[in-house]
Amino acid sequence: MNDGTVSVPPEQYERLTALAAARGVTPEAQLARLIDDAYEGLDADDAATEALPLGVCDTDETDDE
């Protein structure tokens, strides 16, 4: 990813710092993670079933009995 500048509004920065503190990282590191996750979501077709947590399904099918 290219290095660049990101502007974060004050009210969003407060949420970002709280999330970062909860995860034990800096706000800058948390923002980088969020950006990386967003890019990964754009590149990925669907999550691999093996990568999903136990009990999570990647289909929209429901059982109609």
Foldseek 3Di string as FASTA:
>chain_A
DDDDDDDDDPVVLVVLCVVCVVVVHHSVVSVVVVVVVVVVVVVDPFDDPVPDPPPDDRDPDDDDD
